[in-house]
Amino acid sequence: MKSWKSFKSLFLFYLFFLSSVCLAAERQSAVVDIALTGDTIRLKGGKILKYNGIECYSPESKIGLSKTYGTQAHEFNQKLIAGKKIEIEWGPKLRDKNNRLLGYVFTEDGLFVNEELLKNGYAKARIIAPNTHYADEFKSLESLAKRNKKGIWEKEPDDGGTQKKLVGEKNTKIYYLPDSPELDHIPQAQLVYFDSRVNAKAAGYTACFTCRQKGELDESE
């Protein structure tokens, strides 16, 4: 009797686990209003959705090359999905810290939009747990785009100028990567530029918390 109860408990746990997995991979239909950036869209009804697992430069960046790449990604995304019916695949985490929905997006003809941006060099892979379902595929596509020097990878890896600079805020003494979204809310007059982390730290600036969380700026260097 005891063994039967143990088996029953294990079986029920398996069913619960299976249903959880299926729910995480479930797709939901929606209609796109417009693309807001390369990796963010507004759905009909007003909800904002951020593409899972990728990140594009902002078209509103104050840095020249970042702004160019952001504009290109935005235009590409707009052509892919504006006004179209899409299928959204959800991961375990449904919203980011800005309360935007997080999803993997597919067009009606089966085009995987997240991957399309990566393989054409309009985005970088940004895998944040627990939404790791396509992590290997995304990293492989990013590597392929780098090797082929597509999109942002045409100049970025060897660019020692604008793209490598760090941007500091005079009031807070915090420095950011040039594509950090935080810079969009800081007046131009409050910005200062550094050629290296060493120079930024020597001037009394510390790395942005969000950048350090992502592992993109290491204060130990």
N, C-alpha and C. Protein backbone atom coordinates (compact mmCIF):
# COMPACT_ATOMS: atom_id res chain seq x y z
N MET A 1 0.83 -1.20 0.00
CA MET A 1 0.00 0.00 0.00
C MET A 1 0.88 1.26 0.00
N LYS A 2 1.96 1.19 0.83
CA LYS A 2 2.84 2.34 0.91
C LYS A 2 3.51 2.63 -0.42
N SER A 3 3.94 1.55 -1.13
CA SER A 3 4.59 1.73 -2.42
C SER A 3 3.61 2.31 -3.45
N TRP A 4 2.34 1.90 -3.36
CA TRP A 4 1.33 2.43 -4.28
C TRP A 4 1.13 3.94 -4.06
N LYS A 5 1.11 4.36 -2.78
CA LYS A 5 0.97 5.78 -2.48
C LYS A 5 2.16 6.57 -2.99
N SER A 6 3.35 6.00 -2.87
CA SER A 6 4.56 6.67 -3.37
C SER A 6 4.51 6.82 -4.88
N PHE A 7 4.07 5.72 -5.55
CA PHE A 7 3.96 5.77 -7.00
C PHE A 7 2.93 6.80 -7.43
N LYS A 8 1.82 6.85 -6.72
CA LYS A 8 0.76 7.80 -7.06
C LYS A 8 1.25 9.24 -6.90
N SER A 9 2.00 9.48 -5.82
CA SER A 9 2.53 10.82 -5.57
C SER A 9 3.50 11.23 -6.67
N LEU A 10 4.36 10.30 -7.07
CA LEU A 10 5.32 10.58 -8.14
C LEU A 10 4.61 10.85 -9.46
N PHE A 11 3.56 10.07 -9.72
CA PHE A 11 2.81 10.23 -10.96
C PHE A 11 2.12 11.59 -11.01
N LEU A 12 1.52 12.00 -9.89
CA LEU A 12 0.86 13.31 -9.83
C LEU A 12 1.87 14.44 -10.00
N PHE A 13 3.05 14.26 -9.40
CA PHE A 13 4.11 15.26 -9.55
C PHE A 13 4.54 15.37 -11.00
N TYR A 14 4.65 14.22 -11.68
CA TYR A 14 5.03 14.22 -13.09
C TYR A 14 4.01 14.95 -13.94
N LEU A 15 2.71 14.72 -13.66
CA LEU A 15 1.65 15.40 -14.41
C LEU A 15 1.71 16.90 -14.18
N PHE A 16 1.97 17.31 -12.95
CA PHE A 16 2.07 18.73 -12.62
C PHE A 16 3.24 19.36 -13.36
N PHE A 17 4.39 18.65 -13.34
CA PHE A 17 5.58 19.15 -14.03
C PHE A 17 5.34 19.28 -15.53
N LEU A 18 4.71 18.26 -16.11
CA LEU A 18 4.43 18.27 -17.54
C LEU A 18 3.51 19.41 -17.93
N SER A 19 2.49 19.64 -17.11
CA SER A 19 1.55 20.73 -17.40
C SER A 19 2.22 22.07 -17.28
N SER A 20 3.17 22.21 -16.34
CA SER A 20 3.89 23.47 -16.17
C SER A 20 4.75 23.76 -17.37
N VAL A 21 5.42 22.72 -17.89
CA VAL A 21 6.26 22.88 -19.08
C VAL A 21 5.42 23.29 -20.28
N CYS A 22 4.30 22.62 -20.45
CA CYS A 22 3.43 22.93 -21.58
C CYS A 22 2.89 24.35 -21.49
N LEU A 23 2.56 24.76 -20.26
CA LEU A 23 2.03 26.11 -20.07
C LEU A 23 3.07 27.15 -20.42
N ALA A 24 4.33 26.87 -20.03
CA ALA A 24 5.40 27.83 -20.32
C ALA A 24 5.61 28.00 -21.81
N ALA A 25 5.39 26.91 -22.59
CA ALA A 25 5.63 26.96 -24.02
C ALA A 25 4.37 27.31 -24.81
N GLU A 26 3.27 27.56 -24.13
CA GLU A 26 2.01 27.85 -24.80
C GLU A 26 2.09 29.15 -25.59
N ARG A 27 1.44 29.19 -26.73
CA ARG A 27 1.44 30.39 -27.56
C ARG A 27 0.10 31.09 -27.53
N GLN A 28 0.15 32.39 -27.67
CA GLN A 28 -1.06 33.20 -27.63
C GLN A 28 -1.06 34.14 -28.83
N SER A 29 -2.19 34.27 -29.48
CA SER A 29 -2.30 35.14 -30.65
C SER A 29 -2.46 36.60 -30.22
N ALA A 30 -1.92 37.50 -31.05
CA ALA A 30 -2.06 38.93 -30.81
C ALA A 30 -1.85 39.65 -32.14
N VAL A 31 -2.18 40.93 -32.16
CA VAL A 31 -1.96 41.75 -33.36
C VAL A 31 -1.06 42.90 -32.96
N VAL A 32 -0.04 43.15 -33.78
CA VAL A 32 0.92 44.21 -33.49
C VAL A 32 0.39 45.54 -33.97
N ASP A 33 0.54 46.55 -33.13
CA ASP A 33 0.23 47.92 -33.53
C ASP A 33 1.45 48.48 -34.26
N ILE A 34 2.51 48.77 -33.52
CA ILE A 34 3.75 49.27 -34.14
C ILE A 34 4.96 48.72 -33.40
N ALA A 35 6.13 48.85 -34.04
CA ALA A 35 7.39 48.56 -33.37
C ALA A 35 7.86 49.84 -32.70
N LEU A 36 8.19 49.75 -31.43
CA LEU A 36 8.67 50.92 -30.69
C LEU A 36 10.18 51.06 -30.81
N THR A 37 10.88 49.92 -30.82
CA THR A 37 12.33 49.87 -31.02
C THR A 37 12.62 48.58 -31.77
N GLY A 38 13.89 48.22 -31.86
CA GLY A 38 14.24 46.96 -32.51
C GLY A 38 13.76 45.74 -31.76
N ASP A 39 13.65 45.85 -30.44
CA ASP A 39 13.27 44.67 -29.65
C ASP A 39 12.01 44.87 -28.82
N THR A 40 11.25 45.91 -29.11
CA THR A 40 10.03 46.19 -28.34
C THR A 40 8.89 46.57 -29.27
N ILE A 41 7.70 46.04 -29.00
CA ILE A 41 6.53 46.35 -29.83
C ILE A 41 5.34 46.73 -28.94
N ARG A 42 4.40 47.43 -29.55
CA ARG A 42 3.14 47.71 -28.88
C ARG A 42 2.06 46.90 -29.57
N LEU A 43 1.29 46.15 -28.78
CA LEU A 43 0.22 45.32 -29.31
C LEU A 43 -1.07 46.12 -29.41
N LYS A 44 -1.97 45.67 -30.25
CA LYS A 44 -3.30 46.28 -30.30
C LYS A 44 -3.93 46.14 -28.91
N GLY A 45 -4.41 47.23 -28.38
CA GLY A 45 -4.91 47.23 -27.01
C GLY A 45 -3.99 47.97 -26.07
N GLY A 46 -2.73 48.22 -26.54
CA GLY A 46 -1.82 49.07 -25.78
C GLY A 46 -0.74 48.39 -24.97
N LYS A 47 -0.76 47.07 -24.85
CA LYS A 47 0.27 46.40 -24.06
C LYS A 47 1.62 46.42 -24.77
N ILE A 48 2.69 46.58 -23.97
CA ILE A 48 4.05 46.64 -24.52
C ILE A 48 4.72 45.29 -24.31
N LEU A 49 5.37 44.79 -25.36
CA LEU A 49 6.06 43.50 -25.28
C LEU A 49 7.51 43.66 -25.69
N LYS A 50 8.40 43.14 -24.85
CA LYS A 50 9.84 43.12 -25.12
C LYS A 50 10.23 41.72 -25.57
N TYR A 51 11.01 41.63 -26.65
CA TYR A 51 11.43 40.32 -27.14
C TYR A 51 12.35 39.65 -26.12
N ASN A 52 12.06 38.41 -25.82
CA ASN A 52 12.87 37.62 -24.90
C ASN A 52 14.22 37.27 -25.51
N GLY A 53 15.28 37.32 -24.72
CA GLY A 53 16.57 36.76 -25.11
C GLY A 53 17.42 37.61 -26.03
N ILE A 54 16.96 38.80 -26.41
CA ILE A 54 17.76 39.65 -27.29
C ILE A 54 17.70 41.09 -26.81
N GLU A 55 18.64 41.90 -27.31
CA GLU A 55 18.65 43.32 -26.99
C GLU A 55 19.20 44.10 -28.18
N CYS A 56 18.52 45.18 -28.53
CA CYS A 56 18.95 46.04 -29.63
C CYS A 56 19.39 47.40 -29.07
N TYR A 57 20.20 48.10 -29.85
CA TYR A 57 20.52 49.47 -29.48
C TYR A 57 19.26 50.33 -29.59
N SER A 58 19.24 51.40 -28.82
CA SER A 58 18.08 52.29 -28.84
C SER A 58 18.20 53.33 -29.95
N PRO A 59 17.13 53.55 -30.72
CA PRO A 59 17.17 54.60 -31.76
C PRO A 59 17.23 56.00 -31.14
N GLU A 60 17.02 56.10 -29.84
CA GLU A 60 17.07 57.40 -29.16
C GLU A 60 18.39 57.61 -28.43
N SER A 61 19.37 56.74 -28.68
CA SER A 61 20.67 56.88 -28.05
C SER A 61 21.31 58.21 -28.43
N LYS A 62 22.11 58.74 -27.52
CA LYS A 62 22.79 60.01 -27.78
C LYS A 62 24.15 59.81 -28.45
N ILE A 63 24.56 58.54 -28.59
CA ILE A 63 25.85 58.23 -29.21
C ILE A 63 25.63 57.87 -30.68
N GLY A 64 26.42 58.47 -31.56
CA GLY A 64 26.21 58.36 -33.01
C GLY A 64 26.02 56.96 -33.56
N LEU A 65 27.02 56.09 -33.35
CA LEU A 65 26.95 54.75 -33.93
C LEU A 65 25.84 53.92 -33.28
N SER A 66 25.66 54.08 -31.98
CA SER A 66 24.58 53.36 -31.29
C SER A 66 23.23 53.80 -31.83
N LYS A 67 23.07 55.09 -32.06
CA LYS A 67 21.82 55.62 -32.59
C LYS A 67 21.55 55.05 -33.99
N THR A 68 22.60 54.99 -34.81
CA THR A 68 22.46 54.44 -36.16
C THR A 68 22.00 52.99 -36.12
N TYR A 69 22.65 52.18 -35.29
CA TYR A 69 22.28 50.78 -35.17
C TYR A 69 20.87 50.63 -34.61
N GLY A 70 20.52 51.48 -33.65
CA GLY A 70 19.19 51.43 -33.07
C GLY A 70 18.11 51.75 -34.08
N THR A 71 18.38 52.74 -34.92
CA THR A 71 17.43 53.13 -35.96
C THR A 71 17.25 52.02 -36.98
N GLN A 72 18.36 51.39 -37.37
CA GLN A 72 18.30 50.30 -38.34
C GLN A 72 17.50 49.11 -37.79
N ALA A 73 17.74 48.77 -36.53
CA ALA A 73 17.00 47.66 -35.91
C ALA A 73 15.52 47.98 -35.82
N HIS A 74 15.20 49.22 -35.45
CA HIS A 74 13.81 49.64 -35.35
C HIS A 74 13.10 49.51 -36.70
N GLU A 75 13.74 49.99 -37.75
CA GLU A 75 13.14 49.92 -39.08
C GLU A 75 12.97 48.49 -39.54
N PHE A 76 13.95 47.65 -39.25
CA PHE A 76 13.87 46.24 -39.64
C PHE A 76 12.73 45.54 -38.92
N ASN A 77 12.62 45.79 -37.62
CA ASN A 77 11.56 45.20 -36.83
C ASN A 77 10.18 45.67 -37.31
N GLN A 78 10.09 46.95 -37.63
CA GLN A 78 8.82 47.51 -38.12
C GLN A 78 8.37 46.80 -39.40
N LYS A 79 9.30 46.54 -40.30
CA LYS A 79 8.96 45.87 -41.56
C LYS A 79 8.52 44.43 -41.31
N LEU A 80 9.11 43.80 -40.30
CA LEU A 80 8.79 42.41 -40.02
C LEU A 80 7.39 42.21 -39.44
N ILE A 81 6.98 43.12 -38.53
CA ILE A 81 5.78 42.79 -37.74
C ILE A 81 4.68 43.86 -37.66
N ALA A 82 4.93 45.07 -38.11
CA ALA A 82 3.94 46.14 -37.94
C ALA A 82 2.59 45.76 -38.55
N GLY A 83 1.53 45.79 -37.75
CA GLY A 83 0.19 45.51 -38.23
C GLY A 83 -0.12 44.05 -38.45
N LYS A 84 0.84 43.16 -38.14
CA LYS A 84 0.63 41.74 -38.42
C LYS A 84 0.08 40.99 -37.22
N LYS A 85 -0.56 39.86 -37.53
CA LYS A 85 -0.98 38.94 -36.49
C LYS A 85 0.22 38.08 -36.12
N ILE A 86 0.45 37.90 -34.84
CA ILE A 86 1.60 37.13 -34.39
C ILE A 86 1.18 36.08 -33.36
N GLU A 87 2.10 35.16 -33.11
CA GLU A 87 1.94 34.18 -32.03
C GLU A 87 3.05 34.46 -31.02
N ILE A 88 2.68 34.60 -29.76
CA ILE A 88 3.65 34.87 -28.70
C ILE A 88 3.84 33.61 -27.86
N GLU A 89 5.08 33.19 -27.75
CA GLU A 89 5.41 32.06 -26.88
C GLU A 89 5.97 32.61 -25.58
N TRP A 90 5.36 32.22 -24.47
CA TRP A 90 5.77 32.76 -23.17
C TRP A 90 6.82 31.89 -22.51
N GLY A 91 7.70 32.52 -21.75
CA GLY A 91 8.65 31.80 -20.91
C GLY A 91 8.16 31.77 -19.48
N PRO A 92 8.94 31.22 -18.56
CA PRO A 92 8.54 31.16 -17.15
C PRO A 92 8.30 32.54 -16.55
N LYS A 93 9.13 33.52 -16.94
CA LYS A 93 8.95 34.88 -16.44
C LYS A 93 8.20 35.69 -17.49
N LEU A 94 7.05 36.26 -17.11
CA LEU A 94 6.18 36.91 -18.09
C LEU A 94 6.43 38.41 -18.25
N ARG A 95 7.06 39.05 -17.26
CA ARG A 95 7.29 40.50 -17.35
C ARG A 95 8.68 40.85 -16.85
N ASP A 96 9.23 41.97 -17.40
CA ASP A 96 10.53 42.44 -16.92
C ASP A 96 10.34 43.47 -15.82
N LYS A 97 11.44 44.07 -15.37
CA LYS A 97 11.36 45.01 -14.24
C LYS A 97 10.59 46.28 -14.59
N ASN A 98 10.44 46.55 -15.89
CA ASN A 98 9.68 47.71 -16.34
C ASN A 98 8.22 47.37 -16.62
N ASN A 99 7.81 46.17 -16.21
CA ASN A 99 6.44 45.68 -16.36
C ASN A 99 6.04 45.43 -17.81
N ARG A 100 7.04 45.31 -18.70
CA ARG A 100 6.74 44.95 -20.09
C ARG A 100 6.59 43.44 -20.19
N LEU A 101 5.69 42.99 -21.04
CA LEU A 101 5.57 41.56 -21.31
C LEU A 101 6.85 41.06 -21.97
N LEU A 102 7.19 39.81 -21.72
CA LEU A 102 8.37 39.19 -22.33
C LEU A 102 7.92 38.00 -23.16
N GLY A 103 8.33 37.95 -24.43
CA GLY A 103 7.87 36.85 -25.26
C GLY A 103 8.77 36.55 -26.44
N TYR A 104 8.61 35.33 -26.95
CA TYR A 104 9.23 34.92 -28.21
C TYR A 104 8.15 35.08 -29.28
N VAL A 105 8.45 35.79 -30.35
CA VAL A 105 7.41 36.21 -31.30
C VAL A 105 7.58 35.52 -32.65
N PHE A 106 6.45 35.00 -33.15
CA PHE A 106 6.42 34.31 -34.44
C PHE A 106 5.34 34.96 -35.32
N THR A 107 5.65 35.17 -36.59
CA THR A 107 4.64 35.68 -37.51
C THR A 107 3.76 34.52 -37.97
N GLU A 108 2.68 34.83 -38.67
CA GLU A 108 1.74 33.78 -39.13
C GLU A 108 2.40 32.79 -40.08
N ASP A 109 3.41 33.25 -40.83
CA ASP A 109 4.07 32.33 -41.76
C ASP A 109 5.25 31.59 -41.11
N GLY A 110 5.36 31.69 -39.78
CA GLY A 110 6.35 30.90 -39.05
C GLY A 110 7.69 31.55 -38.82
N LEU A 111 7.85 32.81 -39.21
CA LEU A 111 9.12 33.50 -39.01
C LEU A 111 9.33 33.79 -37.53
N PHE A 112 10.45 33.38 -36.99
CA PHE A 112 10.80 33.61 -35.59
C PHE A 112 11.50 34.97 -35.51
N VAL A 113 10.79 35.98 -35.06
CA VAL A 113 11.28 37.37 -35.13
C VAL A 113 12.53 37.57 -34.29
N ASN A 114 12.58 37.02 -33.07
CA ASN A 114 13.76 37.17 -32.21
C ASN A 114 15.02 36.68 -32.94
N GLU A 115 14.90 35.50 -33.57
CA GLU A 115 16.05 34.93 -34.28
C GLU A 115 16.39 35.73 -35.52
N GLU A 116 15.38 36.27 -36.20
CA GLU A 116 15.60 37.02 -37.42
C GLU A 116 16.45 38.26 -37.14
N LEU A 117 16.20 38.93 -36.03
CA LEU A 117 16.98 40.10 -35.64
C LEU A 117 18.42 39.71 -35.32
N LEU A 118 18.59 38.58 -34.65
CA LEU A 118 19.93 38.12 -34.29
C LEU A 118 20.75 37.74 -35.52
N LYS A 119 20.19 36.94 -36.39
CA LYS A 119 20.98 36.42 -37.51
C LYS A 119 21.31 37.48 -38.54
N ASN A 120 20.54 38.58 -38.55
CA ASN A 120 20.84 39.69 -39.46
C ASN A 120 21.70 40.76 -38.82
N GLY A 121 22.12 40.52 -37.58
CA GLY A 121 23.04 41.44 -36.92
C GLY A 121 22.40 42.70 -36.38
N TYR A 122 21.09 42.66 -36.12
CA TYR A 122 20.42 43.84 -35.57
C TYR A 122 20.29 43.76 -34.05
N ALA A 123 20.68 42.64 -33.45
CA ALA A 123 20.51 42.46 -32.00
C ALA A 123 21.65 41.62 -31.44
N LYS A 124 21.79 41.70 -30.12
CA LYS A 124 22.71 40.86 -29.38
C LYS A 124 21.90 39.87 -28.55
N ALA A 125 22.48 38.71 -28.30
CA ALA A 125 21.83 37.74 -27.41
C ALA A 125 21.96 38.23 -25.97
N ARG A 126 20.84 38.29 -25.26
CA ARG A 126 20.84 38.69 -23.85
C ARG A 126 19.94 37.71 -23.10
N ILE A 127 20.53 36.62 -22.63
CA ILE A 127 19.77 35.55 -21.98
C ILE A 127 19.70 35.83 -20.49
N ILE A 128 18.49 35.98 -19.98
CA ILE A 128 18.30 36.25 -18.57
C ILE A 128 17.39 35.18 -17.97
N ALA A 129 17.92 34.42 -17.02
CA ALA A 129 17.14 33.36 -16.37
C ALA A 129 15.92 33.96 -15.68
N PRO A 130 14.80 33.23 -15.66
CA PRO A 130 14.64 31.82 -16.07
C PRO A 130 14.25 31.62 -17.53
N ASN A 131 14.21 32.70 -18.33
CA ASN A 131 13.79 32.57 -19.73
C ASN A 131 15.00 32.18 -20.60
N THR A 132 15.33 30.90 -20.60
CA THR A 132 16.53 30.42 -21.27
C THR A 132 16.23 29.39 -22.37
N HIS A 133 14.97 29.30 -22.78
CA HIS A 133 14.56 28.21 -23.67
C HIS A 133 15.35 28.14 -24.96
N TYR A 134 15.64 29.29 -25.58
CA TYR A 134 16.34 29.31 -26.87
C TYR A 134 17.79 29.81 -26.73
N ALA A 135 18.36 29.68 -25.54
CA ALA A 135 19.67 30.25 -25.26
C ALA A 135 20.75 29.78 -26.24
N ASP A 136 20.82 28.47 -26.47
CA ASP A 136 21.87 27.93 -27.35
C ASP A 136 21.70 28.43 -28.79
N GLU A 137 20.46 28.43 -29.27
CA GLU A 137 20.20 28.88 -30.63
C GLU A 137 20.56 30.37 -30.79
N PHE A 138 20.18 31.17 -29.80
CA PHE A 138 20.43 32.60 -29.88
C PHE A 138 21.94 32.90 -29.88
N LYS A 139 22.68 32.21 -29.02
CA LYS A 139 24.13 32.43 -28.96
C LYS A 139 24.82 32.01 -30.25
N SER A 140 24.33 30.91 -30.84
CA SER A 140 24.90 30.44 -32.11
C SER A 140 24.65 31.44 -33.24
N LEU A 141 23.43 31.99 -33.28
CA LEU A 141 23.09 32.96 -34.31
C LEU A 141 23.89 34.25 -34.13
N GLU A 142 24.11 34.66 -32.88
CA GLU A 142 24.93 35.84 -32.63
C GLU A 142 26.36 35.61 -33.11
N SER A 143 26.91 34.44 -32.82
CA SER A 143 28.28 34.11 -33.25
C SER A 143 28.39 34.10 -34.77
N LEU A 144 27.36 33.57 -35.43
CA LEU A 144 27.35 33.52 -36.89
C LEU A 144 27.32 34.93 -37.48
N ALA A 145 26.49 35.80 -36.91
CA ALA A 145 26.40 37.18 -37.38
C ALA A 145 27.74 37.91 -37.18
N LYS A 146 28.42 37.60 -36.07
CA LYS A 146 29.74 38.20 -35.81
C LYS A 146 30.74 37.78 -36.87
N ARG A 147 30.77 36.47 -37.15
CA ARG A 147 31.73 35.96 -38.14
C ARG A 147 31.48 36.57 -39.52
N ASN A 148 30.21 36.76 -39.84
CA ASN A 148 29.86 37.32 -41.15
C ASN A 148 29.85 38.85 -41.17
N LYS A 149 30.16 39.46 -40.00
CA LYS A 149 30.22 40.93 -39.86
C LYS A 149 28.92 41.59 -40.35
N LYS A 150 27.83 41.06 -39.88
CA LYS A 150 26.52 41.58 -40.28
C LYS A 150 26.03 42.62 -39.26
N GLY A 151 25.39 43.65 -39.77
CA GLY A 151 24.77 44.65 -38.91
C GLY A 151 25.73 45.30 -37.94
N ILE A 152 25.42 45.22 -36.65
CA ILE A 152 26.25 45.88 -35.64
C ILE A 152 27.66 45.31 -35.56
N TRP A 153 27.84 44.09 -36.07
CA TRP A 153 29.15 43.45 -35.96
C TRP A 153 30.10 43.87 -37.08
N GLU A 154 29.62 44.67 -38.02
CA GLU A 154 30.50 45.14 -39.10
C GLU A 154 31.62 46.01 -38.56
N LYS A 155 31.30 46.85 -37.57
CA LYS A 155 32.30 47.76 -37.03
C LYS A 155 32.55 47.56 -35.54
N GLU A 156 31.55 47.13 -34.81
CA GLU A 156 31.65 47.14 -33.35
C GLU A 156 32.85 46.39 -32.77
N PRO A 157 33.17 45.16 -33.21
CA PRO A 157 34.26 44.45 -32.55
C PRO A 157 35.61 45.15 -32.62
N ASP A 158 35.87 45.89 -33.72
CA ASP A 158 37.17 46.52 -33.90
C ASP A 158 37.12 48.04 -33.76
N ASP A 159 35.97 48.54 -33.34
CA ASP A 159 35.80 50.00 -33.27
C ASP A 159 36.37 50.53 -31.96
N GLY A 160 37.42 51.30 -32.04
CA GLY A 160 38.04 51.84 -30.84
C GLY A 160 37.59 53.25 -30.54
N GLY A 161 36.62 53.76 -31.27
CA GLY A 161 36.19 55.14 -31.10
C GLY A 161 34.94 55.27 -30.29
N THR A 162 33.91 55.86 -30.90
CA THR A 162 32.68 56.20 -30.20
C THR A 162 32.06 55.00 -29.50
N GLN A 163 32.08 53.85 -30.20
CA GLN A 163 31.33 52.71 -29.66
C GLN A 163 31.94 52.17 -28.38
N LYS A 164 33.24 52.40 -28.16
CA LYS A 164 33.91 51.88 -26.98
C LYS A 164 33.86 52.84 -25.80
N LYS A 165 33.45 54.07 -26.02
CA LYS A 165 33.47 55.06 -24.94
C LYS A 165 32.43 54.76 -23.88
N LEU A 166 32.72 55.21 -22.68
CA LEU A 166 31.78 55.13 -21.57
C LEU A 166 31.22 56.52 -21.33
N VAL A 167 29.99 56.56 -20.86
CA VAL A 167 29.31 57.84 -20.67
C VAL A 167 28.96 58.00 -19.20
N GLY A 168 29.43 59.10 -18.59
CA GLY A 168 29.16 59.34 -17.18
C GLY A 168 28.14 60.44 -16.97
N GLU A 169 27.45 60.38 -15.83
CA GLU A 169 26.53 61.45 -15.44
C GLU A 169 27.20 62.26 -14.33
N LYS A 170 27.36 63.56 -14.56
CA LYS A 170 28.11 64.41 -13.64
C LYS A 170 27.51 64.46 -12.25
N ASN A 171 26.18 64.50 -12.15
CA ASN A 171 25.54 64.64 -10.84
C ASN A 171 25.71 63.42 -9.96
N THR A 172 25.53 62.25 -10.54
CA THR A 172 25.54 61.01 -9.74
C THR A 172 26.90 60.33 -9.70
N LYS A 173 27.80 60.73 -10.59
CA LYS A 173 29.12 60.10 -10.69
C LYS A 173 29.00 58.62 -11.04
N ILE A 174 28.05 58.31 -11.92
CA ILE A 174 27.86 56.94 -12.42
C ILE A 174 28.17 56.93 -13.91
N TYR A 175 28.87 55.88 -14.37
CA TYR A 175 29.13 55.77 -15.80
C TYR A 175 28.41 54.57 -16.40
N TYR A 176 28.06 54.70 -17.70
CA TYR A 176 27.23 53.74 -18.40
C TYR A 176 27.87 53.31 -19.72
N LEU A 177 27.42 52.18 -20.23
CA LEU A 177 27.74 51.82 -21.61
C LEU A 177 26.96 52.77 -22.53
N PRO A 178 27.47 53.04 -23.74
CA PRO A 178 26.82 54.03 -24.61
C PRO A 178 25.41 53.69 -25.04
N ASP A 179 25.01 52.40 -24.95
CA ASP A 179 23.66 52.02 -25.35
C ASP A 179 22.73 51.81 -24.16
N SER A 180 23.17 52.20 -22.96
CA SER A 180 22.34 52.02 -21.78
C SER A 180 21.07 52.87 -21.87
N PRO A 181 19.89 52.28 -21.66
CA PRO A 181 18.64 53.04 -21.76
C PRO A 181 18.53 54.16 -20.73
N GLU A 182 19.28 54.05 -19.62
CA GLU A 182 19.25 55.09 -18.59
C GLU A 182 19.69 56.44 -19.15
N LEU A 183 20.54 56.42 -20.19
CA LEU A 183 21.05 57.67 -20.75
C LEU A 183 19.98 58.48 -21.46
N ASP A 184 18.90 57.81 -21.85
CA ASP A 184 17.84 58.51 -22.56
C ASP A 184 17.15 59.57 -21.70
N HIS A 185 17.30 59.46 -20.38
CA HIS A 185 16.61 60.37 -19.47
C HIS A 185 17.56 61.38 -18.83
N ILE A 186 18.81 61.42 -19.30
CA ILE A 186 19.79 62.33 -18.72
C ILE A 186 20.07 63.46 -19.71
N PRO A 187 19.97 64.72 -19.30
CA PRO A 187 20.24 65.85 -20.20
C PRO A 187 21.67 65.80 -20.74
N GLN A 188 21.84 66.19 -21.99
CA GLN A 188 23.14 66.16 -22.64
C GLN A 188 24.19 66.94 -21.84
N ALA A 189 23.79 68.03 -21.23
CA ALA A 189 24.73 68.88 -20.49
C ALA A 189 25.32 68.17 -19.28
N GLN A 190 24.65 67.10 -18.82
CA GLN A 190 25.11 66.37 -17.64
C GLN A 190 26.02 65.19 -17.98
N LEU A 191 26.30 65.00 -19.29
CA LEU A 191 27.09 63.84 -19.71
C LEU A 191 28.57 64.17 -19.86
N VAL A 192 29.39 63.20 -19.51
CA VAL A 192 30.83 63.31 -19.69
C VAL A 192 31.32 61.97 -20.25
N TYR A 193 32.37 61.98 -21.07
CA TYR A 193 32.79 60.77 -21.77
C TYR A 193 34.19 60.32 -21.33
N PHE A 194 34.35 58.99 -21.26
CA PHE A 194 35.63 58.40 -20.87
C PHE A 194 36.06 57.37 -21.91
N ASP A 195 37.37 57.29 -22.14
CA ASP A 195 37.89 56.32 -23.10
C ASP A 195 38.09 54.94 -22.49
N SER A 196 38.10 54.85 -21.16
CA SER A 196 38.31 53.56 -20.51
C SER A 196 37.69 53.55 -19.13
N ARG A 197 37.52 52.37 -18.59
CA ARG A 197 36.99 52.22 -17.23
C ARG A 197 37.99 52.78 -16.21
N VAL A 198 39.28 52.60 -16.51
CA VAL A 198 40.32 53.09 -15.60
C VAL A 198 40.19 54.60 -15.43
N ASN A 199 40.02 55.31 -16.55
CA ASN A 199 39.88 56.77 -16.49
C ASN A 199 38.60 57.19 -15.78
N ALA A 200 37.51 56.42 -16.02
CA ALA A 200 36.24 56.74 -15.37
C ALA A 200 36.36 56.57 -13.85
N LYS A 201 36.99 55.48 -13.43
CA LYS A 201 37.15 55.24 -11.99
C LYS A 201 38.11 56.24 -11.36
N ALA A 202 39.12 56.63 -12.12
CA ALA A 202 40.09 57.61 -11.61
C ALA A 202 39.42 58.97 -11.37
N ALA A 203 38.37 59.24 -12.16
CA ALA A 203 37.64 60.50 -12.00
C ALA A 203 36.56 60.41 -10.92
N GLY A 204 36.48 59.26 -10.27
CA GLY A 204 35.53 59.11 -9.17
C GLY A 204 34.17 58.55 -9.57
N TYR A 205 34.10 57.97 -10.77
CA TYR A 205 32.81 57.42 -11.25
C TYR A 205 32.75 55.92 -10.99
N THR A 206 31.54 55.42 -10.75
CA THR A 206 31.32 53.98 -10.57
C THR A 206 30.38 53.46 -11.66
N ALA A 207 30.47 52.16 -11.92
CA ALA A 207 29.68 51.57 -13.00
C ALA A 207 28.20 51.49 -12.64
N CYS A 208 27.37 51.67 -13.64
CA CYS A 208 25.93 51.56 -13.51
C CYS A 208 25.54 50.18 -12.97
N PHE A 209 24.60 50.16 -12.02
CA PHE A 209 24.19 48.92 -11.37
C PHE A 209 23.64 47.91 -12.37
N THR A 210 22.79 48.38 -13.31
CA THR A 210 22.19 47.49 -14.30
C THR A 210 23.25 46.85 -15.18
N CYS A 211 24.25 47.64 -15.59
CA CYS A 211 25.32 47.11 -16.44
C CYS A 211 26.14 46.06 -15.69
N ARG A 212 26.37 46.29 -14.40
CA ARG A 212 27.12 45.32 -13.61
C ARG A 212 26.32 44.03 -13.43
N GLN A 213 25.00 44.16 -13.27
CA GLN A 213 24.14 42.98 -13.13
C GLN A 213 24.22 42.10 -14.36
N LYS A 214 24.27 42.72 -15.53
CA LYS A 214 24.33 41.97 -16.79
C LYS A 214 25.73 41.41 -17.04
N GLY A 215 26.72 41.85 -16.25
CA GLY A 215 28.08 41.37 -16.46
C GLY A 215 28.82 42.13 -17.53
N GLU A 216 28.30 43.27 -17.96
CA GLU A 216 28.92 44.03 -19.05
C GLU A 216 29.96 45.01 -18.55
N LEU A 217 29.88 45.41 -17.29
CA LEU A 217 30.88 46.29 -16.68
C LEU A 217 31.31 45.65 -15.37
N ASP A 218 32.59 45.41 -15.25
CA ASP A 218 33.13 44.75 -14.06
C ASP A 218 33.97 45.75 -13.29
N GLU A 219 33.55 46.10 -12.10
CA GLU A 219 34.24 47.10 -11.29
C GLU A 219 35.61 46.63 -10.84
N SER A 220 35.88 45.34 -10.96
CA SER A 220 37.19 44.84 -10.53
C SER A 220 38.29 45.16 -11.52
N GLU A 221 37.90 45.54 -12.75
CA GLU A 221 38.91 45.80 -13.78
C GLU A 221 39.53 47.17 -13.59
